[in-house]
Amino acid sequence: MIRVSHLHCGYPGRPVLRDVNLHVERGEFVGILGPNGSGKTTLLLALTGYLRPDSGTITIDGRPLEELSSRQRAQKTAVVLQDSQVRFPYSCAEVVAMGRYPHQDRWRGPTPRDAEVVQWAMECTHTLELADRPISATSGGERQRVMMAKALAQETPILLLDEATSAMDVHWRLKAFELFQQLQRHQRKTILAILHDVNLAAVFCPRLVFLKDGIVAADGPTRDVLTPATLERVYHSPALVYDVPENGTRQVFFVPEEQGTPS
């Protein structure tokens, strides 16, 4: 579904990604991890078409990304960013309804089908109670849930998440990832989630990709790549990895390096 081949990408005077190769099948839930500056967000921006590769190719369903119009890209890929700024006093329901734009006829208004999808998306994200509230009057976590609803209303086969739950408390963060998991399992959505929380990724993502210094440092099933050796190589911090028999996952504890006693 998504194929990245020999991708080199970055910003003027600052190359970031170097020879990145990634193949994601339909219905996969992939966690993208790595330290700050490793290229995670740059990869996401390249997958949306916002950043043009310096070299290499990106294809979606076999079509080169650069051949797709912005409308076609929006029909295939929805994005939830860590901090989405809405500069106008729209209500939360109006923001969610913006997710329907790629599917609407330019000369006609919203259809009953659009209204049904917006209702469903807000129910899934528990944001109906925020429907009439100005988006500017929401907390960071509430705003992220509204932007999740907007992405769901877009009804795309691919969902890209860039620290999409970073402002949520533990309860809502787990609720969000449970929803993503359901969408992956029951609707076969393809989900790529950029995360800093290694343990959250270990619970919900069957496959992990670690980036470091703009290259793929590890890629594979979570139990295979989530090892002390990989974590120390990527994060330069000692790590302990424990199996959790209750749910069959692994969890990580990073060990602070010993420091000398202050004089």
C-alpha atoms as a PDB file:
ATOM      1  CA  MET A   1       0.000   0.000   0.000  1.00  0.00           C
ATOM      2  CA  ILE A   2       2.771   2.437   0.974  1.00  0.00           C
ATOM      3  CA  ARG A   3       6.220   1.953  -0.491  1.00  0.00           C
ATOM      4  CA  VAL A   4       9.166   4.230   0.247  1.00  0.00           C
ATOM      5  CA  SER A   5      12.268   3.481  -1.809  1.00  0.00           C
ATOM      6  CA  HIS A   6      15.727   4.991  -1.305  1.00  0.00           C
ATOM      7  CA  LEU A   7      14.213   8.191   0.076  1.00  0.00           C
ATOM      8  CA  HIS A   8      16.446  11.200   0.657  1.00  0.00           C
ATOM      9  CA  CYS A   9      14.539  14.172   2.023  1.00  0.00           C
ATOM     10  CA  GLY A  10      15.039  17.256   4.163  1.00  0.00           C
ATOM     11  CA  TYR A  11      15.057  21.037   4.170  1.00  0.00           C
ATOM     12  CA  PRO A  12      17.164  23.652   2.346  1.00  0.00           C
ATOM     13  CA  GLY A  13      20.710  23.172   3.505  1.00  0.00           C
ATOM     14  CA  ARG A  14      19.720  20.463   5.989  1.00  0.00           C
ATOM     15  CA  PRO A  15      19.294  16.908   4.697  1.00  0.00           C
ATOM     16  CA  VAL A  16      17.441  14.686   7.171  1.00  0.00           C
ATOM     17  CA  LEU A  17      16.406  11.313   5.742  1.00  0.00           C
ATOM     18  CA  ARG A  18      19.048   9.203   4.031  1.00  0.00           C
ATOM     19  CA  ASP A  19      18.238   6.180   1.872  1.00  0.00           C
ATOM     20  CA  VAL A  20      15.075   5.255   3.778  1.00  0.00           C
ATOM     21  CA  ASN A  21      13.240   2.148   2.591  1.00  0.00           C
ATOM     22  CA  LEU A  22       9.854   1.218   4.024  1.00  0.00           C
ATOM     23  CA  HIS A  23       7.025  -1.015   2.811  1.00  0.00           C
ATOM     24  CA  VAL A  24       3.710  -0.971   4.663  1.00  0.00           C
ATOM     25  CA  GLU A  25       0.902  -3.327   3.701  1.00  0.00           C
ATOM     26  CA  ARG A  26      -2.770  -2.466   3.963  1.00  0.00           C
ATOM     27  CA  GLY A  27      -4.106  -2.958   7.486  1.00  0.00           C
ATOM     28  CA  GLU A  28      -0.771  -2.675   9.285  1.00  0.00           C
ATOM     29  CA  PHE A  29      -0.377  -0.642  12.485  1.00  0.00           C
ATOM     30  CA  VAL A  30       3.222   0.593  12.566  1.00  0.00           C
ATOM     31  CA  GLY A  31       4.877   2.600  15.313  1.00  0.00           C
ATOM     32  CA  ILE A  32       7.607   5.017  14.194  1.00  0.00           C
ATOM     33  CA  LEU A  33      10.059   5.715  17.014  1.00  0.00           C
ATOM     34  CA  GLY A  34      13.378   7.425  17.529  1.00  0.00           C
ATOM     35  CA  PRO A  35      15.074  10.305  19.322  1.00  0.00           C
ATOM     36  CA  ASN A  36      14.445  13.966  18.570  1.00  0.00           C
ATOM     37  CA  GLY A  37      15.804  14.955  15.181  1.00  0.00           C
ATOM     38  CA  SER A  38      15.900  11.406  13.850  1.00  0.00           C
ATOM     39  CA  GLY A  39      13.585  12.202  10.916  1.00  0.00           C
ATOM     40  CA  LYS A  40      10.190  10.940  12.097  1.00  0.00           C
ATOM     41  CA  THR A  41       8.193  14.074  11.284  1.00  0.00           C
ATOM     42  CA  THR A  42      10.153  14.618   8.073  1.00  0.00           C
ATOM     43  CA  LEU A  43       9.084  11.138   6.975  1.00  0.00           C
ATOM     44  CA  LEU A  44       5.460  11.941   7.758  1.00  0.00           C
ATOM     45  CA  LEU A  45       5.626  15.223   5.826  1.00  0.00           C
ATOM     46  CA  ALA A  46       7.110  13.368   2.865  1.00  0.00           C
ATOM     47  CA  LEU A  47       4.309  10.776   2.999  1.00  0.00           C
ATOM     48  CA  THR A  48       1.692  13.536   2.860  1.00  0.00           C
ATOM     49  CA  GLY A  49       3.353  15.212  -0.115  1.00  0.00           C
ATOM     50  CA  TYR A  50       4.100  18.355   1.883  1.00  0.00           C
ATOM     51  CA  LEU A  51       7.841  17.781   1.461  1.00  0.00           C
ATOM     52  CA  ARG A  52       9.228  16.774  -1.906  1.00  0.00           C
ATOM     53  CA  PRO A  53      11.981  14.136  -1.814  1.00  0.00           C
ATOM     54  CA  ASP A  54      15.444  15.141  -2.930  1.00  0.00           C
ATOM     55  CA  SER A  55      15.633  11.672  -4.462  1.00  0.00           C
ATOM     56  CA  GLY A  56      13.881   8.344  -4.144  1.00  0.00           C
ATOM     57  CA  THR A  57      10.217   7.497  -4.551  1.00  0.00           C
ATOM     58  CA  ILE A  58       6.999   7.203  -2.536  1.00  0.00           C
ATOM     59  CA  THR A  59       4.061   5.264  -3.929  1.00  0.00           C
ATOM     60  CA  ILE A  60       0.553   4.700  -2.552  1.00  0.00           C
ATOM     61  CA  ASP A  61      -1.374   1.794  -4.050  1.00  0.00           C
ATOM     62  CA  GLY A  62       1.269   1.641  -6.743  1.00  0.00           C
ATOM     63  CA  ARG A  63       0.893   5.280  -7.837  1.00  0.00           C
ATOM     64  CA  PRO A  64       3.715   7.774  -7.371  1.00  0.00           C
ATOM     65  CA  LEU A  65       2.715  10.300  -4.727  1.00  0.00           C
ATOM     66  CA  GLU A  66       3.675  13.263  -6.906  1.00  0.00           C
ATOM     67  CA  GLU A  67       1.145  12.152  -9.539  1.00  0.00           C
ATOM     68  CA  LEU A  68      -1.763  12.481  -7.104  1.00  0.00           C
ATOM     69  CA  SER A  69      -3.592  15.799  -6.811  1.00  0.00           C
ATOM     70  CA  SER A  70      -4.004  17.322  -3.363  1.00  0.00           C
ATOM     71  CA  ARG A  71      -7.649  16.185  -3.419  1.00  0.00           C
ATOM     72  CA  GLN A  72      -6.645  12.619  -4.305  1.00  0.00           C
ATOM     73  CA  ARG A  73      -4.022  12.585  -1.556  1.00  0.00           C
ATOM     74  CA  ALA A  74      -6.631  13.824   0.935  1.00  0.00           C
ATOM     75  CA  GLN A  75      -8.940  10.984  -0.108  1.00  0.00           C
ATOM     76  CA  LYS A  76      -6.223   8.457   0.692  1.00  0.00           C
ATOM     77  CA  THR A  77      -4.403   9.884   3.722  1.00  0.00           C
ATOM     78  CA  ALA A  78      -5.588  11.684   6.848  1.00  0.00           C
ATOM     79  CA  VAL A  79      -3.135  13.263   9.274  1.00  0.00           C
ATOM     80  CA  VAL A  80      -3.390  14.084  12.975  1.00  0.00           C
ATOM     81  CA  LEU A  81      -0.606  16.370  14.148  1.00  0.00           C
ATOM     82  CA  GLN A  82       0.653  16.984  17.665  1.00  0.00           C
ATOM     83  CA  ASP A  83      -0.494  20.610  17.605  1.00  0.00           C
ATOM     84  CA  SER A  84      -3.052  21.656  15.013  1.00  0.00           C
ATOM     85  CA  GLN A  85      -3.782  25.372  15.075  1.00  0.00           C
ATOM     86  CA  VAL A  86      -7.236  26.542  13.966  1.00  0.00           C
ATOM     87  CA  ARG A  87      -7.040  30.318  13.667  1.00  0.00           C
ATOM     88  CA  PHE A  88     -10.725  31.053  13.117  1.00  0.00           C
ATOM     89  CA  PRO A  89     -13.600  30.774  15.643  1.00  0.00           C
ATOM     90  CA  TYR A  90     -15.083  27.558  14.251  1.00  0.00           C
ATOM     91  CA  SER A  91     -17.081  25.254  16.481  1.00  0.00           C
ATOM     92  CA  CYS A  92     -15.677  21.787  17.095  1.00  0.00           C
ATOM     93  CA  ALA A  93     -18.412  20.278  14.917  1.00  0.00           C
ATOM     94  CA  GLU A  94     -17.477  22.627  12.070  1.00  0.00           C
ATOM     95  CA  VAL A  95     -13.823  21.586  12.371  1.00  0.00           C
ATOM     96  CA  VAL A  96     -14.758  17.901  12.197  1.00  0.00           C
ATOM     97  CA  ALA A  97     -16.955  18.592   9.160  1.00  0.00           C
ATOM     98  CA  MET A  98     -13.885  19.961   7.347  1.00  0.00           C
ATOM     99  CA  GLY A  99     -12.752  16.349   7.065  1.00  0.00           C
ATOM    100  CA  ARG A 100     -15.521  15.795   4.514  1.00  0.00           C
ATOM    101  CA  TYR A 101     -14.171  18.353   2.020  1.00  0.00           C
ATOM    102  CA  PRO A 102     -12.197  15.842  -0.121  1.00  0.00           C
ATOM    103  CA  HIS A 103     -15.442  13.933  -0.769  1.00  0.00           C
ATOM    104  CA  GLN A 104     -17.768  16.855  -1.456  1.00  0.00           C
ATOM    105  CA  ASP A 105     -18.921  18.260  -4.751  1.00  0.00           C
ATOM    106  CA  ARG A 106     -17.548  21.765  -5.047  1.00  0.00           C
ATOM    107  CA  TRP A 107     -20.895  23.159  -6.225  1.00  0.00           C
ATOM    108  CA  ARG A 108     -23.126  21.553  -3.593  1.00  0.00           C
ATOM    109  CA  GLY A 109     -23.258  21.814   0.166  1.00  0.00           C
ATOM    110  CA  PRO A 110     -22.887  19.018   2.723  1.00  0.00           C
ATOM    111  CA  THR A 111     -25.058  15.956   2.184  1.00  0.00           C
ATOM    112  CA  PRO A 112     -26.945  13.829   4.740  1.00  0.00           C
ATOM    113  CA  ARG A 113     -24.141  11.289   4.337  1.00  0.00           C
ATOM    114  CA  ASP A 114     -21.607  13.941   5.414  1.00  0.00           C
ATOM    115  CA  ALA A 115     -23.664  14.675   8.520  1.00  0.00           C
ATOM    116  CA  GLU A 116     -23.857  10.960   9.369  1.00  0.00           C
ATOM    117  CA  VAL A 117     -20.093  10.531   9.092  1.00  0.00           C
ATOM    118  CA  VAL A 118     -19.390  13.620  11.228  1.00  0.00           C
ATOM    119  CA  GLN A 119     -21.806  12.294  13.877  1.00  0.00           C
ATOM    120  CA  TRP A 120     -20.089   8.891  13.832  1.00  0.00           C
ATOM    121  CA  ALA A 121     -16.600  10.396  14.059  1.00  0.00           C
ATOM    122  CA  MET A 122     -17.545  12.543  17.049  1.00  0.00           C
ATOM    123  CA  GLU A 123     -19.203   9.606  18.774  1.00  0.00           C
ATOM    124  CA  CYS A 124     -16.067   7.480  18.290  1.00  0.00           C
ATOM    125  CA  THR A 125     -13.868  10.176  19.818  1.00  0.00           C
ATOM    126  CA  HIS A 126     -16.315  11.184  22.570  1.00  0.00           C
ATOM    127  CA  THR A 127     -16.425  14.763  21.303  1.00  0.00           C
ATOM    128  CA  LEU A 128     -20.168  15.225  20.765  1.00  0.00           C
ATOM    129  CA  GLU A 129     -20.362  17.195  24.012  1.00  0.00           C
ATOM    130  CA  LEU A 130     -17.863  19.632  22.487  1.00  0.00           C
ATOM    131  CA  ALA A 131     -19.799  20.060  19.226  1.00  0.00           C
ATOM    132  CA  ASP A 132     -20.942  23.655  19.810  1.00  0.00           C
ATOM    133  CA  ARG A 133     -17.861  24.815  21.692  1.00  0.00           C
ATOM    134  CA  PRO A 134     -15.383  27.034  19.824  1.00  0.00           C
ATOM    135  CA  ILE A 135     -12.268  25.016  19.022  1.00  0.00           C
ATOM    136  CA  SER A 136     -10.253  27.860  20.594  1.00  0.00           C
ATOM    137  CA  ALA A 137     -11.975  27.163  23.928  1.00  0.00           C
ATOM    138  CA  THR A 138     -10.811  23.552  24.183  1.00  0.00           C
ATOM    139  CA  SER A 139      -7.895  22.148  26.153  1.00  0.00           C
ATOM    140  CA  GLY A 140      -4.930  20.599  24.370  1.00  0.00           C
ATOM    141  CA  GLY A 141      -6.226  17.075  24.878  1.00  0.00           C
ATOM    142  CA  GLU A 142      -9.755  17.982  23.797  1.00  0.00           C
ATOM    143  CA  ARG A 143      -8.412  19.666  20.676  1.00  0.00           C
ATOM    144  CA  GLN A 144      -6.457  16.554  19.781  1.00  0.00           C
ATOM    145  CA  ARG A 145      -9.617  14.452  20.106  1.00  0.00           C
ATOM    146  CA  VAL A 146     -11.467  16.883  17.824  1.00  0.00           C
ATOM    147  CA  MET A 147      -8.677  16.637  15.243  1.00  0.00           C
ATOM    148  CA  MET A 148      -8.854  12.838  15.529  1.00  0.00           C
ATOM    149  CA  ALA A 149     -12.572  13.085  14.746  1.00  0.00           C
ATOM    150  CA  LYS A 150     -11.812  15.282  11.727  1.00  0.00           C
ATOM    151  CA  ALA A 151      -9.353  12.670  10.442  1.00  0.00           C
ATOM    152  CA  LEU A 152     -11.919   9.890  10.914  1.00  0.00           C
ATOM    153  CA  ALA A 153     -14.550  11.949   9.089  1.00  0.00           C
ATOM    154  CA  GLN A 154     -12.151  12.070   6.146  1.00  0.00           C
ATOM    155  CA  GLU A 155     -12.705   8.309   5.698  1.00  0.00           C
ATOM    156  CA  THR A 156      -9.275   7.517   4.309  1.00  0.00           C
ATOM    157  CA  PRO A 157      -7.634   4.095   4.154  1.00  0.00           C
ATOM    158  CA  ILE A 158      -4.414   5.554   5.634  1.00  0.00           C
ATOM    159  CA  LEU A 159      -4.072   7.380   8.953  1.00  0.00           C
ATOM    160  CA  LEU A 160      -0.844   9.191   9.860  1.00  0.00           C
ATOM    161  CA  LEU A 161      -0.379  10.197  13.499  1.00  0.00           C
ATOM    162  CA  ASP A 162       2.346  12.550  14.724  1.00  0.00           C
ATOM    163  CA  GLU A 163       2.306  12.450  18.533  1.00  0.00           C
ATOM    164  CA  ALA A 164      -1.460  12.715  18.111  1.00  0.00           C
ATOM    165  CA  THR A 165      -2.253  11.997  21.783  1.00  0.00           C
ATOM    166  CA  SER A 166       0.615  13.857  23.465  1.00  0.00           C
ATOM    167  CA  ALA A 167      -1.675  16.328  25.277  1.00  0.00           C
ATOM    168  CA  MET A 168      -4.134  13.693  26.500  1.00  0.00           C
ATOM    169  CA  ASP A 169      -4.204  12.206  29.981  1.00  0.00           C
ATOM    170  CA  VAL A 170      -3.650   8.481  30.440  1.00  0.00           C
ATOM    171  CA  HIS A 171      -7.359   7.607  30.206  1.00  0.00           C
ATOM    172  CA  TRP A 172      -7.964   9.393  26.902  1.00  0.00           C
ATOM    173  CA  ARG A 173      -4.628   8.291  25.451  1.00  0.00           C
ATOM    174  CA  LEU A 174      -5.534   4.641  25.994  1.00  0.00           C
ATOM    175  CA  LYS A 175      -9.039   5.250  24.646  1.00  0.00           C
ATOM    176  CA  ALA A 176      -7.555   6.818  21.518  1.00  0.00           C
ATOM    177  CA  PHE A 177      -5.181   3.931  20.842  1.00  0.00           C
ATOM    178  CA  GLU A 178      -7.904   1.396  21.514  1.00  0.00           C
ATOM    179  CA  LEU A 179      -9.918   3.186  18.824  1.00  0.00           C
ATOM    180  CA  PHE A 180      -6.981   3.163  16.402  1.00  0.00           C
ATOM    181  CA  GLN A 181      -6.562  -0.551  17.069  1.00  0.00           C
ATOM    182  CA  GLN A 182     -10.241  -1.209  16.343  1.00  0.00           C
ATOM    183  CA  LEU A 183     -10.040   0.774  13.094  1.00  0.00           C
ATOM    184  CA  GLN A 184      -7.011  -1.233  12.038  1.00  0.00           C
ATOM    185  CA  ARG A 185      -8.569  -4.581  12.886  1.00  0.00           C
ATOM    186  CA  HIS A 186     -12.154  -4.050  11.720  1.00  0.00           C
ATOM    187  CA  GLN A 187     -11.788  -1.508   8.890  1.00  0.00           C
ATOM    188  CA  ARG A 188      -8.270  -2.538   7.825  1.00  0.00           C
ATOM    189  CA  LYS A 189      -7.024   1.015   8.104  1.00  0.00           C
ATOM    190  CA  THR A 190      -3.301   1.394   7.597  1.00  0.00           C
ATOM    191  CA  ILE A 191      -1.900   3.375  10.517  1.00  0.00           C
ATOM    192  CA  LEU A 192       1.550   4.892  10.977  1.00  0.00           C
ATOM    193  CA  ALA A 193       1.980   6.429  14.421  1.00  0.00           C
ATOM    194  CA  ILE A 194       4.944   8.588  15.387  1.00  0.00           C
ATOM    195  CA  LEU A 195       5.519   8.152  19.119  1.00  0.00           C
ATOM    196  CA  HIS A 196       7.955   8.980  21.875  1.00  0.00           C
ATOM    197  CA  ASP A 197       6.236   6.612  24.309  1.00  0.00           C
ATOM    198  CA  VAL A 198       7.966   3.310  23.623  1.00  0.00           C
ATOM    199  CA  ASN A 199       5.700   1.393  26.011  1.00  0.00           C
ATOM    200  CA  LEU A 200       2.515   2.679  24.383  1.00  0.00           C
ATOM    201  CA  ALA A 201       3.879   1.615  21.004  1.00  0.00           C
ATOM    202  CA  ALA A 202       4.795  -1.803  22.409  1.00  0.00           C
ATOM    203  CA  VAL A 203       1.213  -2.415  23.526  1.00  0.00           C
ATOM    204  CA  PHE A 204      -0.621  -1.302  20.383  1.00  0.00           C
ATOM    205  CA  CYS A 205       1.764  -1.534  17.412  1.00  0.00           C
ATOM    206  CA  PRO A 206       2.575  -5.036  16.114  1.00  0.00           C
ATOM    207  CA  ARG A 207       5.452  -3.579  14.099  1.00  0.00           C
ATOM    208  CA  LEU A 208       8.017  -0.956  15.074  1.00  0.00           C
ATOM    209  CA  VAL A 209      10.361   1.117  12.935  1.00  0.00           C
ATOM    210  CA  PHE A 210      13.198   2.923  14.702  1.00  0.00           C
ATOM    211  CA  LEU A 211      14.809   5.929  13.010  1.00  0.00           C
ATOM    212  CA  LYS A 212      18.197   7.294  14.045  1.00  0.00           C
ATOM    213  CA  ASP A 213      20.180  10.039  12.315  1.00  0.00           C
ATOM    214  CA  GLY A 214      17.871   9.892   9.311  1.00  0.00           C
ATOM    215  CA  ILE A 215      18.199   6.172   8.604  1.00  0.00           C
ATOM    216  CA  VAL A 216      16.168   3.091   9.544  1.00  0.00           C
ATOM    217  CA  ALA A 217      17.976   1.611  12.536  1.00  0.00           C
ATOM    218  CA  ALA A 218      15.550  -1.279  13.088  1.00  0.00           C
ATOM    219  CA  ASP A 219      12.318  -2.511  11.514  1.00  0.00           C
ATOM    220  CA  GLY A 220      10.303  -5.578  12.368  1.00  0.00           C
ATOM    221  CA  PRO A 221       7.778  -7.264  14.642  1.00  0.00           C
ATOM    222  CA  THR A 222       7.673  -5.538  18.010  1.00  0.00           C
ATOM    223  CA  ARG A 223       8.890  -8.519  20.030  1.00  0.00           C
ATOM    224  CA  ASP A 224      11.860  -8.954  17.682  1.00  0.00           C
ATOM    225  CA  VAL A 225      13.109  -5.358  17.608  1.00  0.00           C
ATOM    226  CA  LEU A 226      12.200  -4.174  21.105  1.00  0.00           C
ATOM    227  CA  THR A 227      15.431  -5.341  22.715  1.00  0.00           C
ATOM    228  CA  PRO A 228      17.944  -3.735  25.078  1.00  0.00           C
ATOM    229  CA  ALA A 229      20.546  -3.716  22.297  1.00  0.00           C
ATOM    230  CA  THR A 230      18.286  -1.878  19.844  1.00  0.00           C
ATOM    231  CA  LEU A 231      17.115   0.636  22.428  1.00  0.00           C
ATOM    232  CA  GLU A 232      20.619   1.447  23.622  1.00  0.00           C
ATOM    233  CA  ARG A 233      21.846   1.806  20.033  1.00  0.00           C
ATOM    234  CA  VAL A 234      18.986   4.168  19.132  1.00  0.00           C
ATOM    235  CA  TYR A 235      18.622   6.204  22.327  1.00  0.00           C
ATOM    236  CA  HIS A 236      22.139   5.920  23.826  1.00  0.00           C
ATOM    237  CA  SER A 237      20.528   4.942  27.146  1.00  0.00           C
ATOM    238  CA  PRO A 238      20.684   1.577  28.909  1.00  0.00           C
ATOM    239  CA  ALA A 239      17.303  -0.159  28.916  1.00  0.00           C
ATOM    240  CA  LEU A 240      15.658  -3.117  30.598  1.00  0.00           C
ATOM    241  CA  VAL A 241      12.948  -4.954  28.663  1.00  0.00           C
ATOM    242  CA  TYR A 242      10.343  -7.045  30.475  1.00  0.00           C
ATOM    243  CA  ASP A 243       7.774  -9.481  29.118  1.00  0.00           C
ATOM    244  CA  VAL A 244       4.245  -8.833  30.384  1.00  0.00           C
ATOM    245  CA  PRO A 245       2.487 -12.226  30.534  1.00  0.00           C
ATOM    246  CA  GLU A 246      -0.931 -10.672  31.188  1.00  0.00           C
ATOM    247  CA  ASN A 247      -1.159  -9.220  27.674  1.00  0.00           C
ATOM    248  CA  GLY A 248       1.782 -10.778  25.837  1.00  0.00           C
ATOM    249  CA  THR A 249       3.553  -7.449  25.269  1.00  0.00           C
ATOM    250  CA  ARG A 250       6.911  -6.068  26.307  1.00  0.00           C
ATOM    251  CA  GLN A 251       7.583  -3.010  28.422  1.00  0.00           C
ATOM    252  CA  VAL A 252      10.718  -0.919  28.729  1.00  0.00           C
ATOM    253  CA  PHE A 253      12.442   0.760  31.627  1.00  0.00           C
ATOM    254  CA  PHE A 254      15.261   3.145  30.742  1.00  0.00           C
ATOM    255  CA  VAL A 255      18.001   3.113  33.341  1.00  0.00           C
ATOM    256  CA  PRO A 256      19.571   6.462  34.297  1.00  0.00           C
ATOM    257  CA  GLU A 257      23.318   6.396  33.854  1.00  0.00           C
ATOM    258  CA  GLU A 258      25.240   6.501  37.093  1.00  0.00           C
ATOM    259  CA  GLN A 259      26.499   9.943  38.001  1.00  0.00           C
ATOM    260  CA  GLY A 260      29.252  10.875  40.347  1.00  0.00           C
ATOM    261  CA  THR A 261      28.432  12.362  43.715  1.00  0.00           C
ATOM    262  CA  PRO A 262      28.433  16.178  43.545  1.00  0.00           C
ATOM    263  CA  SER A 263      31.375  17.679  45.390  1.00  0.00           C
END
